[in-house]
Amino acid sequence: MKERLKLPHSSEIELVRHYGGPVSHAALDPSCSTFRVPGLEGLIGFRVVGGCAVALGDPICAPEQREQLADAFAAHCASNGWSILYAAATSPWQAHARERGYGSIEFADLLMADPRHDPEAGPKARHLRQNLNHIRRLGVAVREYPGETAPDAQREAEAEAACERWLASRRGPQMYLGRPRLFADRPGRRWFIAERAGEVIGVLSLLRAGGSECRRLINLVFSTLGAPSHTSELLVVSALRALREEGVDCVGLGIGPRRELGRIEGFGGGSEFLARQLYRWAAGMMHLHGKTVFWEKYGVTRREALYLLFQPPRLGIRELVALFRTFHFSVM
């Protein structure tokens, strides 16, 4: 049994780190609103988009308080005339929501790995080893940056500048949950920085996510335009090695979109057909499953289904606009 937080109205960062799941960290973004109830130890982070309140992941609280917090949130939304959309909800929360009449769409998985299994070991990892050995010979090195205990303003400025270069270089269709906030909300975060010849060329961010079975989650990894190929892979295996040396047995690698939508429940036939067609179009145009393929090379050991939940259970213009804006859909 997980230890309960002792403060009845803990800080938002404490709540997210203690009870948060795969996308709960997005609730700490200043662009989000926060719903809390006096006397309850929890919160729901959400954005209102065109009359739809989009909650980011499950309610962030102890499991036994989720229904009470969610019911209060639903009443708050109803009083404002908002429909509700939970983005990237987990299976336990989907089961509760279905009992409350929500429609659900299974669209992705939280991908999990066991860091004790070295992804560079064994005959199946031969290609990965070759790629990593090549960029190591090119002088790329990854080091953990102790930003929570020993912050370095110059190093962080270099990492932020690398992030800006990466963002500026992105082209084509885009989908993402929010703009990276590399060094915000420091408690419960770790950073791994890739550099070559003294230049920062990539960053990986690792979060504590106590509400997830893994309790640790890679929430961001990038390498700049011009960085040697497979720099991102070196960042990932370096973070996994650090966790392996600490005896950690589970880490969330990220959200893996599916090739096709899974179960769709609670909708009419027209809405289900529309959802499958739109997802097929978006997945093909944006190569969404490619993200899943990237993570699978690190030895995915478990998958936990993630859902979109709708109340009322409909897929109209308002809901589609809310989805596109929540995931910052764009064609660049």
C-alpha atoms as a PDB file:
ATOM      1  CA  MET A   1       0.000   0.000   0.000  1.00  0.00           C
ATOM      2  CA  LYS A   2       1.312   3.419  -0.949  1.00  0.00           C
ATOM      3  CA  GLU A   3       1.944   5.923   1.813  1.00  0.00           C
ATOM      4  CA  ARG A   4      -0.613   8.715   1.907  1.00  0.00           C
ATOM      5  CA  LEU A   5       0.520  12.307   1.844  1.00  0.00           C
ATOM      6  CA  LYS A   6       0.198  13.846   5.290  1.00  0.00           C
ATOM      7  CA  LEU A   7      -0.995  17.312   4.289  1.00  0.00           C
ATOM      8  CA  PRO A   8      -4.721  17.663   3.575  1.00  0.00           C
ATOM      9  CA  HIS A   9      -4.038  20.252   0.883  1.00  0.00           C
ATOM     10  CA  SER A  10      -0.612  19.327  -0.445  1.00  0.00           C
ATOM     11  CA  SER A  11       1.147  21.350  -3.125  1.00  0.00           C
ATOM     12  CA  GLU A  12       0.323  20.589  -6.741  1.00  0.00           C
ATOM     13  CA  ILE A  13       3.839  19.295  -7.433  1.00  0.00           C
ATOM     14  CA  GLU A  14       3.648  16.919  -4.443  1.00  0.00           C
ATOM     15  CA  LEU A  15       0.302  15.582  -5.607  1.00  0.00           C
ATOM     16  CA  VAL A  16       1.443  15.057  -9.205  1.00  0.00           C
ATOM     17  CA  ARG A  17       4.646  13.292  -8.167  1.00  0.00           C
ATOM     18  CA  HIS A  18       2.874  11.132  -5.567  1.00  0.00           C
ATOM     19  CA  TYR A  19      -0.314  10.197  -7.406  1.00  0.00           C
ATOM     20  CA  GLY A  20       0.332  11.165 -11.033  1.00  0.00           C
ATOM     21  CA  GLY A  21       0.244   8.896 -14.072  1.00  0.00           C
ATOM     22  CA  PRO A  22       1.641   9.024 -17.628  1.00  0.00           C
ATOM     23  CA  VAL A  23       0.456  12.549 -18.533  1.00  0.00           C
ATOM     24  CA  SER A  24      -0.273  14.074 -15.114  1.00  0.00           C
ATOM     25  CA  HIS A  25       2.813  16.302 -15.272  1.00  0.00           C
ATOM     26  CA  ALA A  26       0.985  18.365 -17.929  1.00  0.00           C
ATOM     27  CA  ALA A  27      -1.328  19.579 -15.148  1.00  0.00           C
ATOM     28  CA  LEU A  28       1.575  21.662 -13.793  1.00  0.00           C
ATOM     29  CA  ASP A  29       1.759  23.735 -16.987  1.00  0.00           C
ATOM     30  CA  PRO A  30       0.678  27.329 -16.238  1.00  0.00           C
ATOM     31  CA  SER A  31      -1.707  27.156 -19.211  1.00  0.00           C
ATOM     32  CA  CYS A  32      -3.812  24.588 -17.311  1.00  0.00           C
ATOM     33  CA  SER A  33      -6.573  25.270 -14.840  1.00  0.00           C
ATOM     34  CA  THR A  34      -6.670  23.273 -11.603  1.00  0.00           C
ATOM     35  CA  PHE A  35      -9.795  21.869  -9.975  1.00  0.00           C
ATOM     36  CA  ARG A  36      -9.597  21.081  -6.257  1.00  0.00           C
ATOM     37  CA  VAL A  37     -12.145  20.335  -3.559  1.00  0.00           C
ATOM     38  CA  PRO A  38     -11.684  21.511   0.047  1.00  0.00           C
ATOM     39  CA  GLY A  39     -10.929  18.537   2.264  1.00  0.00           C
ATOM     40  CA  LEU A  40      -9.848  16.266  -0.595  1.00  0.00           C
ATOM     41  CA  GLU A  41      -6.185  15.514  -1.183  1.00  0.00           C
ATOM     42  CA  GLY A  42      -6.071  15.782  -4.951  1.00  0.00           C
ATOM     43  CA  LEU A  43      -6.593  17.781  -8.119  1.00  0.00           C
ATOM     44  CA  ILE A  44      -7.672  17.586 -11.744  1.00  0.00           C
ATOM     45  CA  GLY A  45      -5.679  19.562 -14.285  1.00  0.00           C
ATOM     46  CA  PHE A  46      -7.728  20.661 -17.270  1.00  0.00           C
ATOM     47  CA  ARG A  47      -8.112  23.085 -20.158  1.00  0.00           C
ATOM     48  CA  VAL A  48     -11.394  24.434 -21.482  1.00  0.00           C
ATOM     49  CA  VAL A  49     -11.407  24.268 -25.264  1.00  0.00           C
ATOM     50  CA  GLY A  50     -14.510  25.444 -27.100  1.00  0.00           C
ATOM     51  CA  GLY A  51     -16.917  24.450 -24.355  1.00  0.00           C
ATOM     52  CA  CYS A  52     -15.177  21.155 -23.594  1.00  0.00           C
ATOM     53  CA  ALA A  53     -13.216  20.644 -20.364  1.00  0.00           C
ATOM     54  CA  VAL A  54     -10.219  18.471 -21.249  1.00  0.00           C
ATOM     55  CA  ALA A  55      -8.775  16.702 -18.191  1.00  0.00           C
ATOM     56  CA  LEU A  56      -5.181  15.512 -18.546  1.00  0.00           C
ATOM     57  CA  GLY A  57      -5.050  11.900 -17.389  1.00  0.00           C
ATOM     58  CA  ASP A  58      -6.816  10.393 -14.376  1.00  0.00           C
ATOM     59  CA  PRO A  59      -7.847  12.457 -11.356  1.00  0.00           C
ATOM     60  CA  ILE A  60      -4.646  13.042  -9.377  1.00  0.00           C
ATOM     61  CA  CYS A  61      -5.418  11.739  -5.915  1.00  0.00           C
ATOM     62  CA  ALA A  62      -5.534   8.596  -3.799  1.00  0.00           C
ATOM     63  CA  PRO A  63      -7.537   5.852  -5.575  1.00  0.00           C
ATOM     64  CA  GLU A  64     -10.243   5.800  -2.919  1.00  0.00           C
ATOM     65  CA  GLN A  65     -10.937   9.510  -3.491  1.00  0.00           C
ATOM     66  CA  ARG A  66     -11.056   9.510  -7.297  1.00  0.00           C
ATOM     67  CA  GLU A  67     -14.789   8.999  -7.649  1.00  0.00           C
ATOM     68  CA  GLN A  68     -15.612  11.793  -5.212  1.00  0.00           C
ATOM     69  CA  LEU A  69     -13.175  14.198  -6.876  1.00  0.00           C
ATOM     70  CA  ALA A  70     -14.358  13.274 -10.380  1.00  0.00           C
ATOM     71  CA  ASP A  71     -18.032  13.603  -9.461  1.00  0.00           C
ATOM     72  CA  ALA A  72     -17.382  17.073  -8.053  1.00  0.00           C
ATOM     73  CA  PHE A  73     -15.518  17.979 -11.247  1.00  0.00           C
ATOM     74  CA  ALA A  74     -18.402  16.684 -13.373  1.00  0.00           C
ATOM     75  CA  ALA A  75     -20.853  18.839 -11.386  1.00  0.00           C
ATOM     76  CA  HIS A  76     -18.560  21.850 -11.838  1.00  0.00           C
ATOM     77  CA  CYS A  77     -18.424  21.270 -15.603  1.00  0.00           C
ATOM     78  CA  ALA A  78     -22.203  20.790 -15.840  1.00  0.00           C
ATOM     79  CA  SER A  79     -22.787  24.072 -14.011  1.00  0.00           C
ATOM     80  CA  ASN A  80     -20.669  25.805 -16.664  1.00  0.00           C
ATOM     81  CA  GLY A  81     -22.242  24.004 -19.614  1.00  0.00           C
ATOM     82  CA  TRP A  82     -19.043  22.150 -20.503  1.00  0.00           C
ATOM     83  CA  SER A  83     -18.763  18.638 -21.868  1.00  0.00           C
ATOM     84  CA  ILE A  84     -15.883  16.514 -20.493  1.00  0.00           C
ATOM     85  CA  LEU A  85     -12.989  14.753 -22.198  1.00  0.00           C
ATOM     86  CA  TYR A  86     -10.357  12.788 -20.268  1.00  0.00           C
ATOM     87  CA  ALA A  87      -7.183  12.476 -22.357  1.00  0.00           C
ATOM     88  CA  ALA A  88      -4.936   9.427 -21.799  1.00  0.00           C
ATOM     89  CA  ALA A  89      -6.978   7.862 -18.993  1.00  0.00           C
ATOM     90  CA  THR A  90      -5.828   4.508 -17.595  1.00  0.00           C
ATOM     91  CA  SER A  91      -7.797   1.243 -17.587  1.00  0.00           C
ATOM     92  CA  PRO A  92      -8.949   1.486 -13.935  1.00  0.00           C
ATOM     93  CA  TRP A  93     -10.332   4.967 -14.523  1.00  0.00           C
ATOM     94  CA  GLN A  94     -11.954   3.908 -17.807  1.00  0.00           C
ATOM     95  CA  ALA A  95     -13.826   1.159 -15.947  1.00  0.00           C
ATOM     96  CA  HIS A  96     -15.223   3.689 -13.461  1.00  0.00           C
ATOM     97  CA  ALA A  97     -16.106   6.186 -16.171  1.00  0.00           C
ATOM     98  CA  ARG A  98     -17.989   3.583 -18.201  1.00  0.00           C
ATOM     99  CA  GLU A  99     -20.171   2.949 -15.142  1.00  0.00           C
ATOM    100  CA  ARG A 100     -20.949   6.684 -15.144  1.00  0.00           C
ATOM    101  CA  GLY A 101     -22.020   6.588 -18.812  1.00  0.00           C
ATOM    102  CA  TYR A 102     -18.855   7.927 -20.445  1.00  0.00           C
ATOM    103  CA  GLY A 103     -17.906   6.822 -23.962  1.00  0.00           C
ATOM    104  CA  SER A 104     -14.373   5.449 -24.291  1.00  0.00           C
ATOM    105  CA  ILE A 105     -11.852   5.029 -27.118  1.00  0.00           C
ATOM    106  CA  GLU A 106      -8.736   2.880 -26.674  1.00  0.00           C
ATOM    107  CA  PHE A 107      -6.024   4.669 -28.657  1.00  0.00           C
ATOM    108  CA  ALA A 108      -2.574   4.009 -27.168  1.00  0.00           C
ATOM    109  CA  ASP A 109      -0.548   2.162 -24.529  1.00  0.00           C
ATOM    110  CA  LEU A 110       1.760   3.181 -21.751  1.00  0.00           C
ATOM    111  CA  LEU A 111       4.894   1.233 -22.655  1.00  0.00           C
ATOM    112  CA  MET A 112       6.925  -0.167 -19.759  1.00  0.00           C
ATOM    113  CA  ALA A 113      10.357  -1.791 -19.566  1.00  0.00           C
ATOM    114  CA  ASP A 114      12.518  -3.462 -16.930  1.00  0.00           C
ATOM    115  CA  PRO A 115      15.829  -1.533 -16.715  1.00  0.00           C
ATOM    116  CA  ARG A 116      17.507  -4.636 -15.238  1.00  0.00           C
ATOM    117  CA  HIS A 117      17.461  -6.047 -18.763  1.00  0.00           C
ATOM    118  CA  ASP A 118      20.224  -4.299 -20.690  1.00  0.00           C
ATOM    119  CA  PRO A 119      18.822  -3.332 -24.139  1.00  0.00           C
ATOM    120  CA  GLU A 120      22.364  -3.562 -25.576  1.00  0.00           C
ATOM    121  CA  ALA A 121      22.774  -7.207 -24.508  1.00  0.00           C
ATOM    122  CA  GLY A 122      22.067 -10.259 -26.636  1.00  0.00           C
ATOM    123  CA  PRO A 123      22.014 -11.067 -30.358  1.00  0.00           C
ATOM    124  CA  LYS A 124      18.784  -9.141 -31.031  1.00  0.00           C
ATOM    125  CA  ALA A 125      20.485  -5.916 -29.881  1.00  0.00           C
ATOM    126  CA  ARG A 126      23.338  -6.177 -32.375  1.00  0.00           C
ATOM    127  CA  HIS A 127      22.090  -3.347 -34.570  1.00  0.00           C
ATOM    128  CA  LEU A 128      21.469  -1.066 -31.572  1.00  0.00           C
ATOM    129  CA  ARG A 129      24.968  -1.791 -30.205  1.00  0.00           C
ATOM    130  CA  GLN A 130      26.538  -0.935 -33.547  1.00  0.00           C
ATOM    131  CA  ASN A 131      24.702   2.378 -33.726  1.00  0.00           C
ATOM    132  CA  LEU A 132      25.572   3.350 -30.173  1.00  0.00           C
ATOM    133  CA  ASN A 133      29.207   2.359 -30.465  1.00  0.00           C
ATOM    134  CA  HIS A 134      29.446   4.457 -33.616  1.00  0.00           C
ATOM    135  CA  ILE A 135      28.207   7.663 -31.995  1.00  0.00           C
ATOM    136  CA  ARG A 136      30.360   7.039 -28.920  1.00  0.00           C
ATOM    137  CA  ARG A 137      33.360   6.937 -31.244  1.00  0.00           C
ATOM    138  CA  LEU A 138      32.185  10.271 -32.640  1.00  0.00           C
ATOM    139  CA  GLY A 139      32.632  11.744 -29.167  1.00  0.00           C
ATOM    140  CA  VAL A 140      29.018  11.888 -27.992  1.00  0.00           C
ATOM    141  CA  ALA A 141      28.740  11.427 -24.218  1.00  0.00           C
ATOM    142  CA  VAL A 142      25.753  11.434 -21.856  1.00  0.00           C
ATOM    143  CA  ARG A 143      25.929  12.540 -18.232  1.00  0.00           C
ATOM    144  CA  GLU A 144      23.266  12.936 -15.586  1.00  0.00           C
ATOM    145  CA  TYR A 145      22.709  16.552 -14.621  1.00  0.00           C
ATOM    146  CA  PRO A 146      21.935  17.061 -10.884  1.00  0.00           C
ATOM    147  CA  GLY A 147      19.512  19.890 -11.511  1.00  0.00           C
ATOM    148  CA  GLU A 148      17.430  19.336  -8.384  1.00  0.00           C
ATOM    149  CA  THR A 149      20.308  19.374  -5.899  1.00  0.00           C
ATOM    150  CA  ALA A 150      23.035  21.336  -7.700  1.00  0.00           C
ATOM    151  CA  PRO A 151      21.542  23.574 -10.418  1.00  0.00           C
ATOM    152  CA  ASP A 152      23.921  25.169 -12.912  1.00  0.00           C
ATOM    153  CA  ALA A 153      22.467  28.238 -14.678  1.00  0.00           C
ATOM    154  CA  GLN A 154      24.907  28.071 -17.602  1.00  0.00           C
ATOM    155  CA  ARG A 155      24.310  24.370 -18.239  1.00  0.00           C
ATOM    156  CA  GLU A 156      20.559  24.905 -18.132  1.00  0.00           C
ATOM    157  CA  ALA A 157      20.768  27.827 -20.541  1.00  0.00           C
ATOM    158  CA  GLU A 158      22.714  25.601 -22.955  1.00  0.00           C
ATOM    159  CA  ALA A 159      20.094  22.861 -22.647  1.00  0.00           C
ATOM    160  CA  GLU A 160      17.250  25.351 -23.159  1.00  0.00           C
ATOM    161  CA  ALA A 161      18.996  26.707 -26.261  1.00  0.00           C
ATOM    162  CA  ALA A 162      19.330  23.147 -27.603  1.00  0.00           C
ATOM    163  CA  CYS A 163      15.630  22.603 -26.980  1.00  0.00           C
ATOM    164  CA  GLU A 164      14.771  25.777 -28.891  1.00  0.00           C
ATOM    165  CA  ARG A 165      16.912  24.623 -31.834  1.00  0.00           C
ATOM    166  CA  TRP A 166      15.140  21.269 -31.804  1.00  0.00           C
ATOM    167  CA  LEU A 167      11.695  22.888 -31.723  1.00  0.00           C
ATOM    168  CA  ALA A 168      12.624  25.286 -34.524  1.00  0.00           C
ATOM    169  CA  SER A 169      13.854  22.407 -36.719  1.00  0.00           C
ATOM    170  CA  ARG A 170      10.664  20.337 -36.536  1.00  0.00           C
ATOM    171  CA  ARG A 171       8.787  20.133 -39.806  1.00  0.00           C
ATOM    172  CA  GLY A 172       5.710  18.386 -41.096  1.00  0.00           C
ATOM    173  CA  PRO A 173       2.584  17.305 -39.179  1.00  0.00           C
ATOM    174  CA  GLN A 174       2.942  17.737 -35.423  1.00  0.00           C
ATOM    175  CA  MET A 175       1.132  16.407 -32.338  1.00  0.00           C
ATOM    176  CA  TYR A 176       2.277  16.993 -28.759  1.00  0.00           C
ATOM    177  CA  LEU A 177       0.674  17.547 -25.380  1.00  0.00           C
ATOM    178  CA  GLY A 178       2.533  20.704 -24.420  1.00  0.00           C
ATOM    179  CA  ARG A 179       5.656  22.784 -24.914  1.00  0.00           C
ATOM    180  CA  PRO A 180       8.676  21.351 -23.055  1.00  0.00           C
ATOM    181  CA  ARG A 181       9.401  22.983 -19.709  1.00  0.00           C
ATOM    182  CA  LEU A 182      12.848  21.527 -19.124  1.00  0.00           C
ATOM    183  CA  PHE A 183      13.677  22.763 -15.653  1.00  0.00           C
ATOM    184  CA  ALA A 184      10.280  23.653 -14.206  1.00  0.00           C
ATOM    185  CA  ASP A 185       8.757  21.751 -11.293  1.00  0.00           C
ATOM    186  CA  ARG A 186      12.123  20.359 -10.176  1.00  0.00           C
ATOM    187  CA  PRO A 187      11.125  18.073  -7.292  1.00  0.00           C
ATOM    188  CA  GLY A 188      11.017  14.474  -8.481  1.00  0.00           C
ATOM    189  CA  ARG A 189      12.801  15.155 -11.796  1.00  0.00           C
ATOM    190  CA  ARG A 190      16.092  13.921 -13.263  1.00  0.00           C
ATOM    191  CA  TRP A 191      17.922  15.011 -16.416  1.00  0.00           C
ATOM    192  CA  PHE A 192      20.416  13.329 -18.731  1.00  0.00           C
ATOM    193  CA  ILE A 193      22.302  15.590 -21.128  1.00  0.00           C
ATOM    194  CA  ALA A 194      24.097  14.552 -24.324  1.00  0.00           C
ATOM    195  CA  GLU A 195      27.004  16.634 -25.523  1.00  0.00           C
ATOM    196  CA  ARG A 196      29.701  16.601 -28.146  1.00  0.00           C
ATOM    197  CA  ALA A 197      32.799  18.807 -28.083  1.00  0.00           C
ATOM    198  CA  GLY A 198      31.272  20.756 -25.201  1.00  0.00           C
ATOM    199  CA  GLU A 199      27.976  21.451 -27.016  1.00  0.00           C
ATOM    200  CA  VAL A 200      24.631  20.242 -25.679  1.00  0.00           C
ATOM    201  CA  ILE A 201      22.934  18.230 -28.432  1.00  0.00           C
ATOM    202  CA  GLY A 202      20.190  16.365 -26.571  1.00  0.00           C
ATOM    203  CA  VAL A 203      18.276  16.006 -23.311  1.00  0.00           C
ATOM    204  CA  LEU A 204      16.222  13.297 -21.611  1.00  0.00           C
ATOM    205  CA  SER A 205      13.861  14.111 -18.737  1.00  0.00           C
ATOM    206  CA  LEU A 206      12.798  11.480 -16.200  1.00  0.00           C
ATOM    207  CA  LEU A 207       9.915  12.028 -13.761  1.00  0.00           C
ATOM    208  CA  ARG A 208       8.692  10.403 -10.599  1.00  0.00           C
ATOM    209  CA  ALA A 209       5.112   9.248 -11.248  1.00  0.00           C
ATOM    210  CA  GLY A 210       3.866   7.604  -8.083  1.00  0.00           C
ATOM    211  CA  GLY A 211       0.415   6.856  -9.466  1.00  0.00           C
ATOM    212  CA  SER A 212       1.870   4.647 -12.185  1.00  0.00           C
ATOM    213  CA  GLU A 213       2.894   1.075 -11.511  1.00  0.00           C
ATOM    214  CA  CYS A 214       6.408   1.920 -12.686  1.00  0.00           C
ATOM    215  CA  ARG A 215       6.656   5.111 -10.580  1.00  0.00           C
ATOM    216  CA  ARG A 216       9.260   6.476 -13.006  1.00  0.00           C
ATOM    217  CA  LEU A 217       8.514   7.876 -16.436  1.00  0.00           C
ATOM    218  CA  ILE A 218      10.564   9.184 -19.340  1.00  0.00           C
ATOM    219  CA  ASN A 219       8.523  12.212 -20.371  1.00  0.00           C
ATOM    220  CA  LEU A 220      10.845  13.835 -22.924  1.00  0.00           C
ATOM    221  CA  VAL A 221      13.811  12.909 -25.090  1.00  0.00           C
ATOM    222  CA  PHE A 222      15.173  14.906 -28.004  1.00  0.00           C
ATOM    223  CA  SER A 223      18.326  15.555 -30.005  1.00  0.00           C
ATOM    224  CA  THR A 224      19.073  18.639 -32.051  1.00  0.00           C
ATOM    225  CA  LEU A 225      19.248  18.964 -35.805  1.00  0.00           C
ATOM    226  CA  GLY A 226      22.831  18.094 -36.753  1.00  0.00           C
ATOM    227  CA  ALA A 227      23.406  15.803 -33.782  1.00  0.00           C
ATOM    228  CA  PRO A 228      24.742  12.375 -34.812  1.00  0.00           C
ATOM    229  CA  SER A 229      22.030   9.863 -35.610  1.00  0.00           C
ATOM    230  CA  HIS A 230      20.973   7.748 -32.620  1.00  0.00           C
ATOM    231  CA  THR A 231      21.827  10.417 -30.037  1.00  0.00           C
ATOM    232  CA  SER A 232      18.329   9.935 -28.595  1.00  0.00           C
ATOM    233  CA  GLU A 233      18.971   6.197 -28.300  1.00  0.00           C
ATOM    234  CA  LEU A 234      22.171   6.873 -26.349  1.00  0.00           C
ATOM    235  CA  LEU A 235      20.231   9.126 -23.977  1.00  0.00           C
ATOM    236  CA  VAL A 236      17.659   6.396 -23.347  1.00  0.00           C
ATOM    237  CA  VAL A 237      20.156   3.578 -22.701  1.00  0.00           C
ATOM    238  CA  SER A 238      22.149   5.894 -20.407  1.00  0.00           C
ATOM    239  CA  ALA A 239      19.055   6.632 -18.310  1.00  0.00           C
ATOM    240  CA  LEU A 240      18.161   2.928 -18.218  1.00  0.00           C
ATOM    241  CA  ARG A 241      21.698   2.076 -17.084  1.00  0.00           C
ATOM    242  CA  ALA A 242      21.444   4.565 -14.206  1.00  0.00           C
ATOM    243  CA  LEU A 243      18.139   3.003 -13.121  1.00  0.00           C
ATOM    244  CA  ARG A 244      19.577  -0.498 -13.488  1.00  0.00           C
ATOM    245  CA  GLU A 245      22.480   0.384 -11.193  1.00  0.00           C
ATOM    246  CA  GLU A 246      19.925   1.556  -8.623  1.00  0.00           C
ATOM    247  CA  GLY A 247      18.010  -1.727  -8.824  1.00  0.00           C
ATOM    248  CA  VAL A 248      14.886  -0.189 -10.391  1.00  0.00           C
ATOM    249  CA  ASP A 249      12.706  -2.871 -11.995  1.00  0.00           C
ATOM    250  CA  CYS A 250      10.188  -0.800 -13.992  1.00  0.00           C
ATOM    251  CA  VAL A 251      10.158   2.441 -15.985  1.00  0.00           C
ATOM    252  CA  GLY A 252       7.520   3.998 -18.201  1.00  0.00           C
ATOM    253  CA  LEU A 253       9.085   4.624 -21.590  1.00  0.00           C
ATOM    254  CA  GLY A 254       6.304   6.763 -22.987  1.00  0.00           C
ATOM    255  CA  ILE A 255       2.950   6.658 -24.707  1.00  0.00           C
ATOM    256  CA  GLY A 256       2.846   4.341 -27.700  1.00  0.00           C
ATOM    257  CA  PRO A 257       0.061   5.125 -30.216  1.00  0.00           C
ATOM    258  CA  ARG A 258      -1.577   2.069 -31.752  1.00  0.00           C
ATOM    259  CA  ARG A 259      -1.746   1.300 -35.461  1.00  0.00           C
ATOM    260  CA  GLU A 260      -5.537   1.164 -35.184  1.00  0.00           C
ATOM    261  CA  LEU A 261      -7.974   2.160 -32.476  1.00  0.00           C
ATOM    262  CA  GLY A 262      -8.825  -0.612 -30.038  1.00  0.00           C
ATOM    263  CA  ARG A 263     -12.100  -0.967 -28.144  1.00  0.00           C
ATOM    264  CA  ILE A 264     -14.700   1.764 -28.610  1.00  0.00           C
ATOM    265  CA  GLU A 265     -17.567   1.659 -26.115  1.00  0.00           C
ATOM    266  CA  GLY A 266     -20.599   3.784 -25.446  1.00  0.00           C
ATOM    267  CA  PHE A 267     -20.839   5.467 -28.868  1.00  0.00           C
ATOM    268  CA  GLY A 268     -23.280   5.027 -31.723  1.00  0.00           C
ATOM    269  CA  GLY A 269     -22.202   3.348 -34.925  1.00  0.00           C
ATOM    270  CA  GLY A 270     -21.701   6.646 -36.767  1.00  0.00           C
ATOM    271  CA  SER A 271     -19.371   8.065 -34.121  1.00  0.00           C
ATOM    272  CA  GLU A 272     -17.369   4.835 -33.981  1.00  0.00           C
ATOM    273  CA  PHE A 273     -16.945   4.816 -37.765  1.00  0.00           C
ATOM    274  CA  LEU A 274     -15.859   8.470 -37.737  1.00  0.00           C
ATOM    275  CA  ALA A 275     -13.374   7.869 -34.912  1.00  0.00           C
ATOM    276  CA  ARG A 276     -11.723   4.940 -36.675  1.00  0.00           C
ATOM    277  CA  GLN A 277     -11.489   6.771 -39.981  1.00  0.00           C
ATOM    278  CA  LEU A 278     -10.045   9.940 -38.453  1.00  0.00           C
ATOM    279  CA  TYR A 279      -7.501   8.019 -36.409  1.00  0.00           C
ATOM    280  CA  ARG A 280      -6.438   5.968 -39.425  1.00  0.00           C
ATOM    281  CA  TRP A 281      -5.917   9.190 -41.370  1.00  0.00           C
ATOM    282  CA  ALA A 282      -3.988  10.931 -38.576  1.00  0.00           C
ATOM    283  CA  ALA A 283      -1.859   7.871 -37.778  1.00  0.00           C
ATOM    284  CA  GLY A 284      -0.864   7.461 -41.406  1.00  0.00           C
ATOM    285  CA  MET A 285      -0.108  11.129 -42.023  1.00  0.00           C
ATOM    286  CA  MET A 286       1.862  11.597 -38.812  1.00  0.00           C
ATOM    287  CA  HIS A 287       3.444   8.138 -38.565  1.00  0.00           C
ATOM    288  CA  LEU A 288       2.148   7.864 -35.005  1.00  0.00           C
ATOM    289  CA  HIS A 289       3.039   4.202 -34.618  1.00  0.00           C
ATOM    290  CA  GLY A 290       6.664   5.109 -35.344  1.00  0.00           C
ATOM    291  CA  LYS A 291       6.893   6.382 -31.754  1.00  0.00           C
ATOM    292  CA  THR A 292       5.892   2.946 -30.531  1.00  0.00           C
ATOM    293  CA  VAL A 293       8.470   1.278 -32.779  1.00  0.00           C
ATOM    294  CA  PHE A 294      11.168   3.592 -31.374  1.00  0.00           C
ATOM    295  CA  TRP A 295      10.437   2.498 -27.796  1.00  0.00           C
ATOM    296  CA  GLU A 296      10.095  -1.201 -28.573  1.00  0.00           C
ATOM    297  CA  LYS A 297      13.836  -1.540 -29.190  1.00  0.00           C
ATOM    298  CA  TYR A 298      14.399  -1.070 -25.431  1.00  0.00           C
ATOM    299  CA  GLY A 299      12.581  -4.254 -24.468  1.00  0.00           C
ATOM    300  CA  VAL A 300       8.959  -3.375 -23.720  1.00  0.00           C
ATOM    301  CA  THR A 301       7.800  -5.821 -21.045  1.00  0.00           C
ATOM    302  CA  ARG A 302       4.306  -4.492 -20.364  1.00  0.00           C
ATOM    303  CA  ARG A 303       1.631  -2.366 -22.001  1.00  0.00           C
ATOM    304  CA  GLU A 304      -1.197  -0.593 -20.208  1.00  0.00           C
ATOM    305  CA  ALA A 305      -4.076   0.606 -22.375  1.00  0.00           C
ATOM    306  CA  LEU A 306      -4.838   4.328 -22.466  1.00  0.00           C
ATOM    307  CA  TYR A 307      -8.193   5.843 -23.375  1.00  0.00           C
ATOM    308  CA  LEU A 308     -10.022   8.951 -24.428  1.00  0.00           C
ATOM    309  CA  LEU A 309     -13.182   9.332 -22.313  1.00  0.00           C
ATOM    310  CA  PHE A 310     -16.150  11.459 -23.363  1.00  0.00           C
ATOM    311  CA  GLN A 311     -19.120  12.770 -21.377  1.00  0.00           C
ATOM    312  CA  PRO A 312     -21.591  12.919 -22.998  1.00  0.00           C
ATOM    313  CA  PRO A 313     -20.516  10.019 -25.263  1.00  0.00           C
ATOM    314  CA  ARG A 314     -20.436  11.781 -28.601  1.00  0.00           C
ATOM    315  CA  LEU A 315     -17.838  12.741 -31.185  1.00  0.00           C
ATOM    316  CA  GLY A 316     -18.930  16.023 -32.709  1.00  0.00           C
ATOM    317  CA  ILE A 317     -17.229  19.195 -33.913  1.00  0.00           C
ATOM    318  CA  ARG A 318     -16.701  20.482 -30.360  1.00  0.00           C
ATOM    319  CA  GLU A 319     -15.001  17.276 -29.245  1.00  0.00           C
ATOM    320  CA  LEU A 320     -12.816  17.066 -32.355  1.00  0.00           C
ATOM    321  CA  VAL A 321     -11.683  20.675 -31.957  1.00  0.00           C
ATOM    322  CA  ALA A 322     -10.887  19.988 -28.295  1.00  0.00           C
ATOM    323  CA  LEU A 323      -8.828  16.923 -29.246  1.00  0.00           C
ATOM    324  CA  PHE A 324      -6.873  18.717 -31.962  1.00  0.00           C
ATOM    325  CA  ARG A 325      -6.094  21.686 -29.708  1.00  0.00           C
ATOM    326  CA  THR A 326      -5.217  19.560 -26.697  1.00  0.00           C
ATOM    327  CA  PHE A 327      -2.678  17.590 -28.721  1.00  0.00           C
ATOM    328  CA  HIS A 328      -1.591  20.732 -30.618  1.00  0.00           C
ATOM    329  CA  PHE A 329      -2.300  19.177 -33.982  1.00  0.00           C
ATOM    330  CA  SER A 330      -0.681  21.213 -36.775  1.00  0.00           C
ATOM    331  CA  VAL A 331       0.849  20.836 -40.222  1.00  0.00           C
ATOM    332  CA  MET A 332       4.133  22.758 -40.377  1.00  0.00           C
END
